[in-house]
Amino acid sequence: MYKAVGWHSQNEYMAGNSLADVMRKLQKEYPAPRRTSRSSSTLHIYSEPLKIISVASEIVN
Protein backbone atom coordinates (compact mmCIF):
# COMPACT_ATOMS: atom_id res chain seq x y z
CA MET A 1 0.00 0.00 0.00
CA TYR A 2 1.19 3.50 -0.81
CA LYS A 3 0.30 6.92 0.61
CA ALA A 4 0.82 10.49 -0.59
CA VAL A 5 1.80 12.43 2.52
CA GLY A 6 2.46 16.14 3.05
CA TRP A 7 6.16 16.90 3.43
CA HIS A 8 5.70 19.38 6.30
CA SER A 9 2.33 18.56 7.87
CA GLN A 10 2.47 14.75 7.49
CA ASN A 11 -1.22 14.90 6.45
CA GLU A 12 -2.35 12.00 4.28
CA TYR A 13 -3.58 13.25 0.90
CA MET A 14 -4.30 9.96 -0.83
CA ALA A 15 -3.79 6.20 -0.41
CA GLY A 16 -3.87 3.30 -2.84
CA ASN A 17 -2.77 -0.27 -3.44
CA SER A 18 -0.11 0.73 -5.95
CA LEU A 19 1.92 3.79 -6.84
CA ALA A 20 -0.19 4.16 -10.00
CA ASP A 21 -3.40 4.15 -7.93
CA VAL A 22 -2.11 6.97 -5.73
CA MET A 23 -1.02 9.06 -8.73
CA ARG A 24 -4.33 8.46 -10.52
CA LYS A 25 -6.33 9.54 -7.45
CA LEU A 26 -4.15 12.63 -6.96
CA GLN A 27 -4.63 13.68 -10.59
CA LYS A 28 -8.39 13.23 -10.28
CA GLU A 29 -8.67 15.12 -6.97
CA TYR A 30 -6.16 17.88 -7.84
CA PRO A 31 -6.22 18.45 -11.61
CA ALA A 32 -3.43 20.58 -13.02
CA PRO A 33 -4.55 24.06 -14.13
CA ARG A 34 -4.62 24.73 -17.84
CA ARG A 35 -1.59 26.65 -19.08
CA THR A 36 -2.52 30.02 -20.50
CA SER A 37 0.99 31.43 -20.67
CA ARG A 38 4.56 30.43 -19.94
CA SER A 39 4.49 32.15 -16.54
CA SER A 40 1.72 29.87 -15.26
CA SER A 41 4.07 26.88 -15.26
CA THR A 42 5.15 27.86 -11.71
CA LEU A 43 1.66 27.43 -10.24
CA HIS A 44 1.39 24.97 -7.36
CA ILE A 45 -1.16 22.18 -7.58
CA TYR A 46 -0.88 21.01 -3.96
CA SER A 47 -0.73 23.15 -0.83
CA GLU A 48 2.67 21.68 0.09
CA PRO A 49 5.27 19.32 -1.38
CA LEU A 50 4.20 15.68 -1.25
CA LYS A 51 6.13 12.49 -0.71
CA ILE A 52 4.86 9.05 -1.60
CA ILE A 53 5.67 6.38 0.92
CA SER A 54 5.26 2.63 0.94
CA VAL A 55 3.30 1.35 3.93
CA ALA A 56 3.54 -2.28 5.00
CA SER A 57 0.23 -4.04 5.40
CA GLU A 58 -0.95 -4.06 8.98
CA ILE A 59 -1.41 -7.53 10.42
CA VAL A 60 -4.59 -7.96 12.44
CA ASN A 61 -4.44 -10.62 15.14
C-alpha atoms as a PDB file:
ATOM      1  CA  MET A   1       0.000   0.000   0.000  1.00  0.00           C
ATOM      2  CA  TYR A   2       1.193   3.504  -0.810  1.00  0.00           C
ATOM      3  CA  LYS A   3       0.305   6.917   0.614  1.00  0.00           C
ATOM      4  CA  ALA A   4       0.825  10.486  -0.593  1.00  0.00           C
ATOM      5  CA  VAL A   5       1.798  12.429   2.521  1.00  0.00           C
ATOM      6  CA  GLY A   6       2.455  16.139   3.049  1.00  0.00           C
ATOM      7  CA  TRP A   7       6.160  16.903   3.434  1.00  0.00           C
ATOM      8  CA  HIS A   8       5.703  19.383   6.305  1.00  0.00           C
ATOM      9  CA  SER A   9       2.332  18.562   7.871  1.00  0.00           C
ATOM     10  CA  GLN A  10       2.466  14.754   7.492  1.00  0.00           C
ATOM     11  CA  ASN A  11      -1.224  14.900   6.451  1.00  0.00           C
ATOM     12  CA  GLU A  12      -2.347  11.997   4.280  1.00  0.00           C
ATOM     13  CA  TYR A  13      -3.579  13.254   0.904  1.00  0.00           C
ATOM     14  CA  MET A  14      -4.296   9.958  -0.834  1.00  0.00           C
ATOM     15  CA  ALA A  15      -3.789   6.197  -0.406  1.00  0.00           C
ATOM     16  CA  GLY A  16      -3.869   3.300  -2.840  1.00  0.00           C
ATOM     17  CA  ASN A  17      -2.774  -0.267  -3.439  1.00  0.00           C
ATOM     18  CA  SER A  18      -0.106   0.734  -5.949  1.00  0.00           C
ATOM     19  CA  LEU A  19       1.919   3.789  -6.843  1.00  0.00           C
ATOM     20  CA  ALA A  20      -0.187   4.156  -9.996  1.00  0.00           C
ATOM     21  CA  ASP A  21      -3.404   4.153  -7.932  1.00  0.00           C
ATOM     22  CA  VAL A  22      -2.114   6.966  -5.730  1.00  0.00           C
ATOM     23  CA  MET A  23      -1.022   9.060  -8.727  1.00  0.00           C
ATOM     24  CA  ARG A  24      -4.331   8.461 -10.515  1.00  0.00           C
ATOM     25  CA  LYS A  25      -6.326   9.538  -7.450  1.00  0.00           C
ATOM     26  CA  LEU A  26      -4.146  12.633  -6.957  1.00  0.00           C
ATOM     27  CA  GLN A  27      -4.632  13.678 -10.589  1.00  0.00           C
ATOM     28  CA  LYS A  28      -8.389  13.232 -10.279  1.00  0.00           C
ATOM     29  CA  GLU A  29      -8.671  15.117  -6.966  1.00  0.00           C
ATOM     30  CA  TYR A  30      -6.158  17.875  -7.836  1.00  0.00           C
ATOM     31  CA  PRO A  31      -6.225  18.453 -11.606  1.00  0.00           C
ATOM     32  CA  ALA A  32      -3.427  20.581 -13.022  1.00  0.00           C
ATOM     33  CA  PRO A  33      -4.551  24.056 -14.128  1.00  0.00           C
ATOM     34  CA  ARG A  34      -4.615  24.731 -17.839  1.00  0.00           C
ATOM     35  CA  ARG A  35      -1.594  26.648 -19.077  1.00  0.00           C
ATOM     36  CA  THR A  36      -2.516  30.018 -20.505  1.00  0.00           C
ATOM     37  CA  SER A  37       0.991  31.429 -20.670  1.00  0.00           C
ATOM     38  CA  ARG A  38       4.557  30.429 -19.935  1.00  0.00           C
ATOM     39  CA  SER A  39       4.490  32.152 -16.542  1.00  0.00           C
ATOM     40  CA  SER A  40       1.719  29.871 -15.261  1.00  0.00           C
ATOM     41  CA  SER A  41       4.074  26.884 -15.258  1.00  0.00           C
ATOM     42  CA  THR A  42       5.154  27.861 -11.710  1.00  0.00           C
ATOM     43  CA  LEU A  43       1.659  27.434 -10.237  1.00  0.00           C
ATOM     44  CA  HIS A  44       1.387  24.972  -7.360  1.00  0.00           C
ATOM     45  CA  ILE A  45      -1.164  22.177  -7.579  1.00  0.00           C
ATOM     46  CA  TYR A  46      -0.879  21.012  -3.964  1.00  0.00           C
ATOM     47  CA  SER A  47      -0.734  23.149  -0.830  1.00  0.00           C
ATOM     48  CA  GLU A  48       2.670  21.679   0.093  1.00  0.00           C
ATOM     49  CA  PRO A  49       5.273  19.317  -1.380  1.00  0.00           C
ATOM     50  CA  LEU A  50       4.202  15.680  -1.249  1.00  0.00           C
ATOM     51  CA  LYS A  51       6.134  12.487  -0.705  1.00  0.00           C
ATOM     52  CA  ILE A  52       4.859   9.051  -1.596  1.00  0.00           C
ATOM     53  CA  ILE A  53       5.673   6.377   0.924  1.00  0.00           C
ATOM     54  CA  SER A  54       5.263   2.632   0.939  1.00  0.00           C
ATOM     55  CA  VAL A  55       3.303   1.352   3.933  1.00  0.00           C
ATOM     56  CA  ALA A  56       3.540  -2.280   4.999  1.00  0.00           C
ATOM     57  CA  SER A  57       0.231  -4.039   5.397  1.00  0.00           C
ATOM     58  CA  GLU A  58      -0.947  -4.058   8.978  1.00  0.00           C
ATOM     59  CA  ILE A  59      -1.414  -7.529  10.421  1.00  0.00           C
ATOM     60  CA  VAL A  60      -4.589  -7.961  12.444  1.00  0.00           C
ATOM     61  CA  ASN A  61      -4.436 -10.622  15.142  1.00  0.00           C
END
